Amino acid sequence: MNKEELYNHPGWQWCTAEGAEMQTLLIGLKTTFREKLEWLDESEELTLRLRAERERTFGVRADGNLSRIHT
């Protein structure tokens, strides 16, 4: 792969802010509404798990209080 082919590769172009935005728009156009809903459900589940783990590990409540839960 030469330098010109490398710079024209989509993976390289997506490393910029504009390229990342274009990739996001392209993915949005290619996915169905159902797939988008599934993605949202999965991201919500991940957020809730991360929040629970943060509370368990650091004792930080979801409302931002820095007090220990288990003291």
N, C-alpha and C. Protein backbone atom coordinates (compact mmCIF):
# COMPACT_ATOMS: atom_id res chain seq x y z
N MET A 1 0.86 -1.17 0.00
CA MET A 1 0.00 0.00 0.00
C MET A 1 0.90 1.23 0.00
N ASN A 2 0.71 2.09 -0.97
CA ASN A 2 1.53 3.31 -1.02
C ASN A 2 0.88 4.42 -0.21
N LYS A 3 1.57 5.55 -0.13
CA LYS A 3 1.11 6.66 0.71
C LYS A 3 -0.24 7.20 0.26
N GLU A 4 -0.44 7.33 -1.05
CA GLU A 4 -1.70 7.85 -1.57
C GLU A 4 -2.87 6.92 -1.24
N GLU A 5 -2.67 5.62 -1.39
CA GLU A 5 -3.72 4.65 -1.06
C GLU A 5 -4.03 4.69 0.43
N LEU A 6 -2.99 4.85 1.24
CA LEU A 6 -3.18 4.91 2.69
C LEU A 6 -4.03 6.12 3.07
N TYR A 7 -3.71 7.29 2.52
CA TYR A 7 -4.44 8.51 2.86
C TYR A 7 -5.86 8.50 2.32
N ASN A 8 -6.12 7.74 1.27
CA ASN A 8 -7.47 7.66 0.71
C ASN A 8 -8.31 6.56 1.33
N HIS A 9 -7.72 5.78 2.22
CA HIS A 9 -8.45 4.70 2.89
C HIS A 9 -9.45 5.30 3.87
N PRO A 10 -10.72 4.82 3.87
CA PRO A 10 -11.74 5.40 4.77
C PRO A 10 -11.35 5.35 6.24
N GLY A 11 -10.68 4.30 6.66
CA GLY A 11 -10.28 4.21 8.06
C GLY A 11 -9.37 5.34 8.49
N TRP A 12 -8.52 5.79 7.58
CA TRP A 12 -7.63 6.91 7.88
C TRP A 12 -8.41 8.22 7.89
N GLN A 13 -9.33 8.37 6.95
CA GLN A 13 -10.12 9.59 6.86
C GLN A 13 -11.04 9.74 8.07
N TRP A 14 -11.49 8.66 8.66
CA TRP A 14 -12.41 8.71 9.79
C TRP A 14 -11.72 9.12 11.08
N CYS A 15 -10.40 9.28 11.06
CA CYS A 15 -9.66 9.67 12.26
C CYS A 15 -9.72 11.18 12.51
N THR A 16 -10.33 11.92 11.62
CA THR A 16 -10.48 13.36 11.81
C THR A 16 -11.88 13.64 12.34
N ALA A 17 -12.09 14.83 12.84
CA ALA A 17 -13.42 15.19 13.36
C ALA A 17 -14.46 15.14 12.25
N GLU A 18 -14.11 15.66 11.08
CA GLU A 18 -15.05 15.65 9.97
C GLU A 18 -15.32 14.23 9.49
N GLY A 19 -14.27 13.42 9.44
CA GLY A 19 -14.42 12.04 9.01
C GLY A 19 -15.27 11.23 9.97
N ALA A 20 -15.08 11.45 11.27
CA ALA A 20 -15.88 10.75 12.27
C ALA A 20 -17.35 11.13 12.16
N GLU A 21 -17.60 12.41 11.88
CA GLU A 21 -18.98 12.85 11.71
C GLU A 21 -19.61 12.19 10.48
N MET A 22 -18.84 12.13 9.40
CA MET A 22 -19.34 11.50 8.17
C MET A 22 -19.60 10.01 8.40
N GLN A 23 -18.72 9.34 9.13
CA GLN A 23 -18.91 7.91 9.42
C GLN A 23 -20.17 7.70 10.24
N THR A 24 -20.40 8.55 11.24
CA THR A 24 -21.60 8.45 12.06
C THR A 24 -22.86 8.63 11.22
N LEU A 25 -22.84 9.62 10.34
CA LEU A 25 -23.99 9.84 9.46
C LEU A 25 -24.20 8.65 8.53
N LEU A 26 -23.12 8.10 8.01
CA LEU A 26 -23.23 6.95 7.12
C LEU A 26 -23.81 5.74 7.84
N ILE A 27 -23.35 5.48 9.04
CA ILE A 27 -23.88 4.37 9.83
C ILE A 27 -25.36 4.60 10.12
N GLY A 28 -25.72 5.85 10.43
CA GLY A 28 -27.12 6.19 10.69
C GLY A 28 -28.01 5.93 9.49
N LEU A 29 -27.49 6.18 8.30
CA LEU A 29 -28.27 5.95 7.09
C LEU A 29 -28.41 4.46 6.77
N LYS A 30 -27.43 3.67 7.19
CA LYS A 30 -27.42 2.24 6.84
C LYS A 30 -28.15 1.37 7.85
N THR A 31 -28.43 1.88 9.04
CA THR A 31 -29.07 1.06 10.06
C THR A 31 -30.58 1.30 10.08
N THR A 32 -31.29 0.26 10.47
CA THR A 32 -32.74 0.36 10.55
C THR A 32 -33.13 0.99 11.89
N PHE A 33 -34.38 1.40 11.98
CA PHE A 33 -34.88 1.98 13.22
C PHE A 33 -34.78 0.97 14.36
N ARG A 34 -35.08 -0.28 14.08
CA ARG A 34 -35.00 -1.33 15.10
C ARG A 34 -33.57 -1.49 15.60
N GLU A 35 -32.60 -1.46 14.69
CA GLU A 35 -31.19 -1.57 15.10
C GLU A 35 -30.78 -0.39 15.97
N LYS A 36 -31.27 0.78 15.65
CA LYS A 36 -30.96 1.97 16.46
C LYS A 36 -31.56 1.84 17.86
N LEU A 37 -32.79 1.32 17.95
CA LEU A 37 -33.40 1.11 19.27
C LEU A 37 -32.64 0.08 20.08
N GLU A 38 -32.19 -1.00 19.43
CA GLU A 38 -31.40 -2.02 20.12
C GLU A 38 -30.09 -1.42 20.63
N TRP A 39 -29.47 -0.58 19.80
CA TRP A 39 -28.23 0.06 20.21
C TRP A 39 -28.47 0.96 21.43
N LEU A 40 -29.56 1.71 21.41
CA LEU A 40 -29.89 2.57 22.55
C LEU A 40 -30.12 1.76 23.82
N ASP A 41 -30.83 0.62 23.70
CA ASP A 41 -31.05 -0.25 24.86
C ASP A 41 -29.73 -0.76 25.42
N GLU A 42 -28.84 -1.19 24.52
CA GLU A 42 -27.54 -1.70 24.97
C GLU A 42 -26.71 -0.61 25.63
N SER A 43 -26.73 0.59 25.07
CA SER A 43 -25.95 1.68 25.66
C SER A 43 -26.52 2.10 27.02
N GLU A 44 -27.85 2.06 27.16
CA GLU A 44 -28.47 2.38 28.45
C GLU A 44 -28.08 1.33 29.49
N GLU A 45 -28.10 0.06 29.10
CA GLU A 45 -27.71 -1.01 30.02
C GLU A 45 -26.25 -0.85 30.45
N LEU A 46 -25.38 -0.51 29.51
CA LEU A 46 -23.97 -0.29 29.84
C LEU A 46 -23.82 0.88 30.81
N THR A 47 -24.54 1.95 30.57
CA THR A 47 -24.48 3.12 31.45
C THR A 47 -24.91 2.75 32.87
N LEU A 48 -25.98 1.99 32.99
CA LEU A 48 -26.46 1.59 34.31
C LEU A 48 -25.46 0.68 35.01
N ARG A 49 -24.84 -0.22 34.26
CA ARG A 49 -23.82 -1.10 34.87
C ARG A 49 -22.60 -0.32 35.33
N LEU A 50 -22.16 0.63 34.51
CA LEU A 50 -21.00 1.44 34.90
C LEU A 50 -21.32 2.28 36.13
N ARG A 51 -22.52 2.83 36.19
CA ARG A 51 -22.93 3.62 37.35
C ARG A 51 -22.96 2.75 38.61
N ALA A 52 -23.52 1.55 38.50
CA ALA A 52 -23.58 0.65 39.67
C ALA A 52 -22.18 0.25 40.11
N GLU A 53 -21.30 0.00 39.16
CA GLU A 53 -19.92 -0.39 39.51
C GLU A 53 -19.19 0.78 40.17
N ARG A 54 -19.42 1.99 39.67
CA ARG A 54 -18.80 3.18 40.29
C ARG A 54 -19.29 3.34 41.72
N GLU A 55 -20.59 3.16 41.93
CA GLU A 55 -21.14 3.28 43.28
C GLU A 55 -20.57 2.21 44.20
N ARG A 56 -20.46 0.99 43.67
CA ARG A 56 -19.95 -0.11 44.48
C ARG A 56 -18.47 0.08 44.80
N THR A 57 -17.69 0.50 43.82
CA THR A 57 -16.25 0.61 44.00
C THR A 57 -15.84 1.84 44.78
N PHE A 58 -16.37 2.99 44.42
CA PHE A 58 -15.91 4.24 45.00
C PHE A 58 -16.87 4.85 46.00
N GLY A 59 -18.05 4.31 46.08
CA GLY A 59 -19.01 4.86 47.01
C GLY A 59 -19.58 6.19 46.54
N VAL A 60 -19.52 6.42 45.24
CA VAL A 60 -20.04 7.67 44.69
C VAL A 60 -21.45 7.41 44.20
N ARG A 61 -22.37 8.18 44.71
CA ARG A 61 -23.77 8.01 44.30
C ARG A 61 -24.00 8.65 42.95
N ALA A 62 -25.05 8.20 42.28
CA ALA A 62 -25.35 8.69 40.93
C ALA A 62 -25.68 10.18 40.92
N ASP A 63 -26.14 10.72 42.05
CA ASP A 63 -26.50 12.13 42.08
C ASP A 63 -25.29 13.04 42.24
N GLY A 64 -24.10 12.45 42.31
CA GLY A 64 -22.87 13.25 42.38
C GLY A 64 -22.30 13.40 43.77
N ASN A 65 -22.97 12.90 44.80
CA ASN A 65 -22.45 13.00 46.16
C ASN A 65 -21.18 12.18 46.26
N LEU A 66 -20.17 12.75 46.91
CA LEU A 66 -18.91 12.06 47.07
C LEU A 66 -18.79 11.33 48.40
N SER A 67 -19.88 11.27 49.13
CA SER A 67 -19.85 10.58 50.42
C SER A 67 -19.80 9.06 50.18
N ARG A 68 -19.14 8.40 51.09
CA ARG A 68 -19.04 6.94 51.01
C ARG A 68 -20.38 6.30 51.33
N ILE A 69 -20.73 5.28 50.57
CA ILE A 69 -21.97 4.56 50.83
C ILE A 69 -21.78 3.59 51.99
N HIS A 70 -20.62 2.90 52.00
CA HIS A 70 -20.38 1.87 53.01
C HIS A 70 -19.30 2.37 53.98
N THR A 71 -19.63 3.29 54.85
CA THR A 71 -18.65 3.75 55.83
C THR A 71 -19.08 3.39 57.22
